[in-house]
Amino acid sequence: MTRTARVEPIREENREAILVSGWRVVDVTDPNLPQEISRHDSEPEAIRAAREYEHKTSLEPGSPPDDTQDYDASDPQGGKDST
């Protein structure tokens, strides 16, 4: 089954500011039951991990193909596999 992942910041709040201490990849295939998949130091690492996670699950028998959603508008490939 093809899964859907989301990249979101890990926030630490204090009285003066909200700090981003890292990035997490969350499986949101079932919006009522999100599950954290991994944590990363940078947003680009988390984006790559989310893409790999979705792609890997799209290869399972009976799964629809990965829709190659674009996570990063600055990426000229737009999330597309160029191979």
PDB file of N, CA and C in Angstrom:
ATOM      1  N   MET A   1       0.847  -1.179   0.000  1.00  0.00           N
ATOM      2  CA  MET A   1       0.000   0.000   0.000  1.00  0.00           C
ATOM      3  C   MET A   1       0.892   1.241   0.000  1.00  0.00           C
ATOM      4  N   THR A   2       0.631   2.120  -0.909  1.00  0.00           N
ATOM      5  CA  THR A   2       1.392   3.367  -0.967  1.00  0.00           C
ATOM      6  C   THR A   2       1.016   4.241   0.223  1.00  0.00           C
ATOM      7  N   ARG A   3       2.017   4.719   0.911  1.00  0.00           N
ATOM      8  CA  ARG A   3       1.827   5.549   2.100  1.00  0.00           C
ATOM      9  C   ARG A   3       2.044   7.017   1.758  1.00  0.00           C
ATOM     10  N   THR A   4       1.509   7.889   2.591  1.00  0.00           N
ATOM     11  CA  THR A   4       1.685   9.324   2.436  1.00  0.00           C
ATOM     12  C   THR A   4       2.451   9.843   3.640  1.00  0.00           C
ATOM     13  N   ALA A   5       3.542  10.572   3.373  1.00  0.00           N
ATOM     14  CA  ALA A   5       4.370  11.107   4.448  1.00  0.00           C
ATOM     15  C   ALA A   5       4.327  12.630   4.437  1.00  0.00           C
ATOM     16  N   ARG A   6       4.535  13.191   5.621  1.00  0.00           N
ATOM     17  CA  ARG A   6       4.585  14.645   5.769  1.00  0.00           C
ATOM     18  C   ARG A   6       5.874  14.986   6.525  1.00  0.00           C
ATOM     19  N   VAL A   7       6.483  16.091   6.153  1.00  0.00           N
ATOM     20  CA  VAL A   7       7.670  16.594   6.837  1.00  0.00           C
ATOM     21  C   VAL A   7       7.230  17.778   7.691  1.00  0.00           C
ATOM     22  N   GLU A   8       7.624  17.740   8.974  1.00  0.00           N
ATOM     23  CA  GLU A   8       7.244  18.852   9.848  1.00  0.00           C
ATOM     24  C   GLU A   8       8.379  19.173  10.812  1.00  0.00           C
ATOM     25  N   PRO A   9       8.450  20.412  11.260  1.00  0.00           N
ATOM     26  CA  PRO A   9       9.522  20.808  12.183  1.00  0.00           C
ATOM     27  C   PRO A   9       9.282  20.255  13.586  1.00  0.00           C
ATOM     28  N   ILE A  10      10.377  20.021  14.298  1.00  0.00           N
ATOM     29  CA  ILE A  10      10.314  19.692  15.712  1.00  0.00           C
ATOM     30  C   ILE A  10      10.568  21.011  16.432  1.00  0.00           C
ATOM     31  N   ARG A  11       9.583  21.488  17.157  1.00  0.00           N
ATOM     32  CA  ARG A  11       9.656  22.816  17.775  1.00  0.00           C
ATOM     33  C   ARG A  11       9.880  22.720  19.267  1.00  0.00           C
ATOM     34  N   GLU A  12      10.688  23.631  19.740  1.00  0.00           N
ATOM     35  CA  GLU A  12      10.888  23.814  21.177  1.00  0.00           C
ATOM     36  C   GLU A  12      10.510  25.256  21.492  1.00  0.00           C
ATOM     37  N   GLU A  13       9.560  25.421  22.373  1.00  0.00           N
ATOM     38  CA  GLU A  13       9.084  26.762  22.698  1.00  0.00           C
ATOM     39  C   GLU A  13       9.590  27.192  24.069  1.00  0.00           C
ATOM     40  N   ASN A  14       9.970  28.451  24.147  1.00  0.00           N
ATOM     41  CA  ASN A  14      10.252  29.059  25.442  1.00  0.00           C
ATOM     42  C   ASN A  14       9.602  30.433  25.450  1.00  0.00           C
ATOM     43  N   ARG A  15       9.841  31.193  26.470  1.00  0.00           N
ATOM     44  CA  ARG A  15       9.156  32.483  26.597  1.00  0.00           C
ATOM     45  C   ARG A  15       9.536  33.475  25.504  1.00  0.00           C
ATOM     46  N   GLU A  16      10.752  33.371  24.963  1.00  0.00           N
ATOM     47  CA  GLU A  16      11.214  34.363  23.999  1.00  0.00           C
ATOM     48  C   GLU A  16      11.035  33.956  22.538  1.00  0.00           C
ATOM     49  N   ALA A  17      11.040  32.656  22.277  1.00  0.00           N
ATOM     50  CA  ALA A  17      11.037  32.252  20.869  1.00  0.00           C
ATOM     51  C   ALA A  17      10.574  30.812  20.708  1.00  0.00           C
ATOM     52  N   ILE A  18      10.284  30.474  19.465  1.00  0.00           N
ATOM     53  CA  ILE A  18      10.016  29.089  19.080  1.00  0.00           C
ATOM     54  C   ILE A  18      11.217  28.654  18.249  1.00  0.00           C
ATOM     55  N   LEU A  19      11.924  27.636  18.703  1.00  0.00           N
ATOM     56  CA  LEU A  19      13.116  27.153  18.021  1.00  0.00           C
ATOM     57  C   LEU A  19      12.820  25.848  17.302  1.00  0.00           C
ATOM     58  N   VAL A  20      13.368  25.689  16.102  1.00  0.00           N
ATOM     59  CA  VAL A  20      13.255  24.434  15.368  1.00  0.00           C
ATOM     60  C   VAL A  20      14.522  23.645  15.662  1.00  0.00           C
ATOM     61  N   SER A  21      14.366  22.501  16.335  1.00  0.00           N
ATOM     62  CA  SER A  21      15.524  21.704  16.737  1.00  0.00           C
ATOM     63  C   SER A  21      15.789  20.544  15.792  1.00  0.00           C
ATOM     64  N   GLY A  22      14.907  20.312  14.839  1.00  0.00           N
ATOM     65  CA  GLY A  22      15.075  19.226  13.888  1.00  0.00           C
ATOM     66  C   GLY A  22      13.822  19.078  13.048  1.00  0.00           C
ATOM     67  N   TRP A  23      13.783  17.992  12.288  1.00  0.00           N
ATOM     68  CA  TRP A  23      12.654  17.732  11.384  1.00  0.00           C
ATOM     69  C   TRP A  23      12.231  16.281  11.523  1.00  0.00           C
ATOM     70  N   ARG A  24      10.931  16.040  11.434  1.00  0.00           N
ATOM     71  CA  ARG A  24      10.427  14.670  11.530  1.00  0.00           C
ATOM     72  C   ARG A  24       9.629  14.312  10.285  1.00  0.00           C
ATOM     73  N   VAL A  25       9.645  13.022   9.965  1.00  0.00           N
ATOM     74  CA  VAL A  25       8.832  12.483   8.887  1.00  0.00           C
ATOM     75  C   VAL A  25       7.697  11.716   9.553  1.00  0.00           C
ATOM     76  N   VAL A  26       6.467  12.040   9.172  1.00  0.00           N
ATOM     77  CA  VAL A  26       5.289  11.441   9.785  1.00  0.00           C
ATOM     78  C   VAL A  26       4.465  10.763   8.694  1.00  0.00           C
ATOM     79  N   ASP A  27       4.076   9.503   8.936  1.00  0.00           N
ATOM     80  CA  ASP A  27       3.175   8.785   8.029  1.00  0.00           C
ATOM     81  C   ASP A  27       1.763   9.269   8.337  1.00  0.00           C
ATOM     82  N   VAL A  28       1.129   9.921   7.359  1.00  0.00           N
ATOM     83  CA  VAL A  28      -0.223  10.457   7.536  1.00  0.00           C
ATOM     84  C   VAL A  28      -1.212   9.768   6.602  1.00  0.00           C
ATOM     85  N   THR A  29      -0.910   8.526   6.241  1.00  0.00           N
ATOM     86  CA  THR A  29      -1.819   7.766   5.386  1.00  0.00           C
ATOM     87  C   THR A  29      -3.206   7.717   6.022  1.00  0.00           C
ATOM     88  N   ASP A  30      -3.246   7.451   7.324  1.00  0.00           N
ATOM     89  CA  ASP A  30      -4.492   7.538   8.087  1.00  0.00           C
ATOM     90  C   ASP A  30      -4.406   8.818   8.905  1.00  0.00           C
ATOM     91  N   PRO A  31      -5.124   9.877   8.491  1.00  0.00           N
ATOM     92  CA  PRO A  31      -5.002  11.163   9.178  1.00  0.00           C
ATOM     93  C   PRO A  31      -5.389  11.104  10.658  1.00  0.00           C
ATOM     94  N   ASN A  32      -6.169  10.108  11.053  1.00  0.00           N
ATOM     95  CA  ASN A  32      -6.564   9.977  12.458  1.00  0.00           C
ATOM     96  C   ASN A  32      -5.518   9.247  13.294  1.00  0.00           C
ATOM     97  N   LEU A  33      -4.499   8.676  12.621  1.00  0.00           N
ATOM     98  CA  LEU A  33      -3.485   7.895  13.323  1.00  0.00           C
ATOM     99  C   LEU A  33      -2.097   8.171  12.754  1.00  0.00           C
ATOM    100  N   PRO A  34      -1.616   9.435  12.833  1.00  0.00           N
ATOM    101  CA  PRO A  34      -0.285   9.737  12.301  1.00  0.00           C
ATOM    102  C   PRO A  34       0.790   9.009  13.105  1.00  0.00           C
ATOM    103  N   GLN A  35       1.841   8.551  12.389  1.00  0.00           N
ATOM    104  CA  GLN A  35       2.927   7.825  13.044  1.00  0.00           C
ATOM    105  C   GLN A  35       4.262   8.423  12.620  1.00  0.00           C
ATOM    106  N   GLU A  36       5.092   8.755  13.600  1.00  0.00           N
ATOM    107  CA  GLU A  36       6.412   9.285  13.289  1.00  0.00           C
ATOM    108  C   GLU A  36       7.272   8.160  12.718  1.00  0.00           C
ATOM    109  N   ILE A  37       7.932   8.447  11.576  1.00  0.00           N
ATOM    110  CA  ILE A  37       8.770   7.463  10.905  1.00  0.00           C
ATOM    111  C   ILE A  37      10.238   7.690  11.251  1.00  0.00           C
ATOM    112  N   SER A  38      10.676   8.946  11.231  1.00  0.00           N
ATOM    113  CA  SER A  38      12.079   9.233  11.486  1.00  0.00           C
ATOM    114  C   SER A  38      12.257  10.692  11.886  1.00  0.00           C
ATOM    115  N   ARG A  39      13.468  10.997  12.423  1.00  0.00           N
ATOM    116  CA  ARG A  39      13.851  12.363  12.785  1.00  0.00           C
ATOM    117  C   ARG A  39      15.165  12.698  12.099  1.00  0.00           C
ATOM    118  N   HIS A  40      15.332  13.985  11.739  1.00  0.00           N
ATOM    119  CA  HIS A  40      16.509  14.419  10.988  1.00  0.00           C
ATOM    120  C   HIS A  40      16.970  15.783  11.475  1.00  0.00           C
ATOM    121  N   ASP A  41      18.258  16.056  11.243  1.00  0.00           N
ATOM    122  CA  ASP A  41      18.834  17.334  11.652  1.00  0.00           C
ATOM    123  C   ASP A  41      18.477  18.473  10.714  1.00  0.00           C
ATOM    124  N   SER A  42      18.224  18.155   9.423  1.00  0.00           N
ATOM    125  CA  SER A  42      17.933  19.212   8.455  1.00  0.00           C
ATOM    126  C   SER A  42      16.676  18.877   7.658  1.00  0.00           C
ATOM    127  N   GLU A  43      16.053  19.915   7.134  1.00  0.00           N
ATOM    128  CA  GLU A  43      14.848  19.730   6.329  1.00  0.00           C
ATOM    129  C   GLU A  43      15.137  18.940   5.052  1.00  0.00           C
ATOM    130  N   PRO A  44      16.233  19.219   4.323  1.00  0.00           N
ATOM    131  CA  PRO A  44      16.494  18.427   3.112  1.00  0.00           C
ATOM    132  C   PRO A  44      16.645  16.923   3.395  1.00  0.00           C
ATOM    133  N   GLU A  45      17.272  16.572   4.520  1.00  0.00           N
ATOM    134  CA  GLU A  45      17.383  15.151   4.895  1.00  0.00           C
ATOM    135  C   GLU A  45      15.996  14.553   5.111  1.00  0.00           C
ATOM    136  N   ALA A  46      15.143  15.281   5.797  1.00  0.00           N
ATOM    137  CA  ALA A  46      13.792  14.796   6.077  1.00  0.00           C
ATOM    138  C   ALA A  46      12.984  14.657   4.788  1.00  0.00           C
ATOM    139  N   ILE A  47      13.142  15.590   3.873  1.00  0.00           N
ATOM    140  CA  ILE A  47      12.434  15.515   2.591  1.00  0.00           C
ATOM    141  C   ILE A  47      12.872  14.277   1.820  1.00  0.00           C
ATOM    142  N   ARG A  48      14.179  14.031   1.778  1.00  0.00           N
ATOM    143  CA  ARG A  48      14.676  12.822   1.094  1.00  0.00           C
ATOM    144  C   ARG A  48      14.115  11.560   1.739  1.00  0.00           C
ATOM    145  N   ALA A  49      14.101  11.527   3.058  1.00  0.00           N
ATOM    146  CA  ALA A  49      13.581  10.352   3.771  1.00  0.00           C
ATOM    147  C   ALA A  49      12.095  10.143   3.480  1.00  0.00           C
ATOM    148  N   ALA A  50      11.318  11.218   3.429  1.00  0.00           N
ATOM    149  CA  ALA A  50       9.886  11.110   3.128  1.00  0.00           C
ATOM    150  C   ALA A  50       9.670  10.587   1.709  1.00  0.00           C
ATOM    151  N   ARG A  51      10.442  11.092   0.776  1.00  0.00           N
ATOM    152  CA  ARG A  51      10.336  10.620  -0.613  1.00  0.00           C
ATOM    153  C   ARG A  51      10.685   9.143  -0.716  1.00  0.00           C
ATOM    154  N   GLU A  52      11.774   8.747  -0.057  1.00  0.00           N
ATOM    155  CA  GLU A  52      12.193   7.339  -0.094  1.00  0.00           C
ATOM    156  C   GLU A  52      11.138   6.441   0.547  1.00  0.00           C
ATOM    157  N   TYR A  53      10.575   6.874   1.655  1.00  0.00           N
ATOM    158  CA  TYR A  53       9.537   6.101   2.346  1.00  0.00           C
ATOM    159  C   TYR A  53       8.323   5.901   1.442  1.00  0.00           C
ATOM    160  N   GLU A  54       7.831   6.975   0.833  1.00  0.00           N
ATOM    161  CA  GLU A  54       6.675   6.857  -0.060  1.00  0.00           C
ATOM    162  C   GLU A  54       7.004   5.983  -1.269  1.00  0.00           C
ATOM    163  N   HIS A  55       8.182   6.182  -1.843  1.00  0.00           N
ATOM    164  CA  HIS A  55       8.563   5.407  -3.021  1.00  0.00           C
ATOM    165  C   HIS A  55       8.665   3.925  -2.684  1.00  0.00           C
ATOM    166  N   LYS A  56       9.293   3.610  -1.557  1.00  0.00           N
ATOM    167  CA  LYS A  56       9.462   2.211  -1.155  1.00  0.00           C
ATOM    168  C   LYS A  56       8.106   1.534  -0.986  1.00  0.00           C
ATOM    169  N   THR A  57       7.142   2.224  -0.364  1.00  0.00           N
ATOM    170  CA  THR A  57       5.834   1.614  -0.156  1.00  0.00           C
ATOM    171  C   THR A  57       5.056   1.490  -1.463  1.00  0.00           C
ATOM    172  N   SER A  58       5.364   2.327  -2.450  1.00  0.00           N
ATOM    173  CA  SER A  58       4.655   2.232  -3.733  1.00  0.00           C
ATOM    174  C   SER A  58       5.114   1.021  -4.538  1.00  0.00           C
ATOM    175  N   LEU A  59       6.231   0.406  -4.164  1.00  0.00           N
ATOM    176  CA  LEU A  59       6.745  -0.772  -4.874  1.00  0.00           C
ATOM    177  C   LEU A  59       6.131  -2.072  -4.369  1.00  0.00           C
ATOM    178  N   GLU A  60       5.367  -2.018  -3.285  1.00  0.00           N
ATOM    179  CA  GLU A  60       4.739  -3.216  -2.744  1.00  0.00           C
ATOM    180  C   GLU A  60       3.650  -3.701  -3.706  1.00  0.00           C
ATOM    181  N   PRO A  61       3.458  -5.033  -3.816  1.00  0.00           N
ATOM    182  CA  PRO A  61       2.440  -5.568  -4.739  1.00  0.00           C
ATOM    183  C   PRO A  61       1.061  -4.974  -4.474  1.00  0.00           C
ATOM    184  N   GLY A  62       0.382  -4.581  -5.548  1.00  0.00           N
ATOM    185  CA  GLY A  62      -0.967  -4.040  -5.464  1.00  0.00           C
ATOM    186  C   GLY A  62      -1.046  -2.577  -5.091  1.00  0.00           C
ATOM    187  N   SER A  63       0.075  -1.916  -4.926  1.00  0.00           N
ATOM    188  CA  SER A  63       0.074  -0.505  -4.545  1.00  0.00           C
ATOM    189  C   SER A  63      -0.043   0.384  -5.772  1.00  0.00           C
ATOM    190  N   PRO A  64      -0.771   1.486  -5.657  1.00  0.00           N
ATOM    191  CA  PRO A  64      -0.774   2.446  -6.754  1.00  0.00           C
ATOM    192  C   PRO A  64       0.598   3.107  -6.848  1.00  0.00           C
ATOM    193  N   PRO A  65       0.954   3.631  -8.005  1.00  0.00           N
ATOM    194  CA  PRO A  65       2.269   4.266  -8.142  1.00  0.00           C
ATOM    195  C   PRO A  65       2.380   5.517  -7.280  1.00  0.00           C
ATOM    196  N   ASP A  66       3.618   5.837  -6.921  1.00  0.00           N
ATOM    197  CA  ASP A  66       3.909   7.049  -6.157  1.00  0.00           C
ATOM    198  C   ASP A  66       3.547   8.249  -7.021  1.00  0.00           C
ATOM    199  N   ASP A  67       2.874   9.240  -6.440  1.00  0.00           N
ATOM    200  CA  ASP A  67       2.460  10.414  -7.220  1.00  0.00           C
ATOM    201  C   ASP A  67       3.568  11.449  -7.350  1.00  0.00           C
ATOM    202  N   THR A  68       4.740  11.187  -6.787  1.00  0.00           N
ATOM    203  CA  THR A  68       5.897  12.083  -6.858  1.00  0.00           C
ATOM    204  C   THR A  68       5.546  13.507  -6.457  1.00  0.00           C
ATOM    205  N   GLN A  69       4.815  13.631  -5.375  1.00  0.00           N
ATOM    206  CA  GLN A  69       4.453  14.950  -4.839  1.00  0.00           C
ATOM    207  C   GLN A  69       5.707  15.773  -4.612  1.00  0.00           C
ATOM    208  N   ASP A  70       5.635  17.045  -4.926  1.00  0.00           N
ATOM    209  CA  ASP A  70       6.766  17.946  -4.747  1.00  0.00           C
ATOM    210  C   ASP A  70       6.774  18.494  -3.321  1.00  0.00           C
ATOM    211  N   TYR A  71       7.822  18.160  -2.548  1.00  0.00           N
ATOM    212  CA  TYR A  71       7.956  18.656  -1.189  1.00  0.00           C
ATOM    213  C   TYR A  71       8.720  19.964  -1.140  1.00  0.00           C
ATOM    214  N   ASP A  72       9.502  20.251  -2.171  1.00  0.00           N
ATOM    215  CA  ASP A  72      10.411  21.384  -2.131  1.00  0.00           C
ATOM    216  C   ASP A  72      10.304  22.142  -3.451  1.00  0.00           C
ATOM    217  N   ALA A  73       9.693  23.295  -3.420  1.00  0.00           N
ATOM    218  CA  ALA A  73       9.459  24.053  -4.647  1.00  0.00           C
ATOM    219  C   ALA A  73      10.755  24.489  -5.311  1.00  0.00           C
ATOM    220  N   SER A  74      11.870  24.514  -4.573  1.00  0.00           N
ATOM    221  CA  SER A  74      13.145  24.930  -5.188  1.00  0.00           C
ATOM    222  C   SER A  74      13.796  23.776  -5.953  1.00  0.00           C
ATOM    223  N   ASP A  75      13.257  22.559  -5.819  1.00  0.00           N
ATOM    224  CA  ASP A  75      13.828  21.406  -6.519  1.00  0.00           C
ATOM    225  C   ASP A  75      13.395  21.440  -7.979  1.00  0.00           C
ATOM    226  N   PRO A  76      14.349  21.567  -8.938  1.00  0.00           N
ATOM    227  CA  PRO A  76      13.968  21.657 -10.343  1.00  0.00           C
ATOM    228  C   PRO A  76      13.323  20.383 -10.880  1.00  0.00           C
ATOM    229  N   GLN A  77      13.575  19.246 -10.228  1.00  0.00           N
ATOM    230  CA  GLN A  77      12.948  17.991 -10.650  1.00  0.00           C
ATOM    231  C   GLN A  77      11.537  17.854 -10.094  1.00  0.00           C
ATOM    232  N   GLY A  78      11.195  18.710  -9.156  1.00  0.00           N
ATOM    233  CA  GLY A  78       9.836  18.695  -8.610  1.00  0.00           C
ATOM    234  C   GLY A  78       9.437  17.377  -7.980  1.00  0.00           C
ATOM    235  N   GLY A  79      10.405  16.648  -7.427  1.00  0.00           N
ATOM    236  CA  GLY A  79      10.098  15.378  -6.796  1.00  0.00           C
ATOM    237  C   GLY A  79       9.998  14.227  -7.763  1.00  0.00           C
ATOM    238  N   LYS A  80      10.239  14.470  -9.031  1.00  0.00           N
ATOM    239  CA  LYS A  80      10.111  13.428 -10.038  1.00  0.00           C
ATOM    240  C   LYS A  80      11.394  12.598 -10.111  1.00  0.00           C
ATOM    241  N   ASP A  81      11.225  11.318 -10.336  1.00  0.00           N
ATOM    242  CA  ASP A  81      12.366  10.413 -10.501  1.00  0.00           C
ATOM    243  C   ASP A  81      12.847  10.552 -11.939  1.00  0.00           C
ATOM    244  N   SER A  82      14.078  10.986 -12.114  1.00  0.00           N
ATOM    245  CA  SER A  82      14.587  11.261 -13.466  1.00  0.00           C
ATOM    246  C   SER A  82      15.300  10.075 -14.098  1.00  0.00           C
ATOM    247  N   THR A  83      15.209   8.893 -13.473  1.00  0.00           N
ATOM    248  CA  THR A  83      15.877   7.720 -14.043  1.00  0.00           C
ATOM    249  C   THR A  83      14.969   6.957 -14.958  1.00  0.00           C
TER     250      THR A  83
END
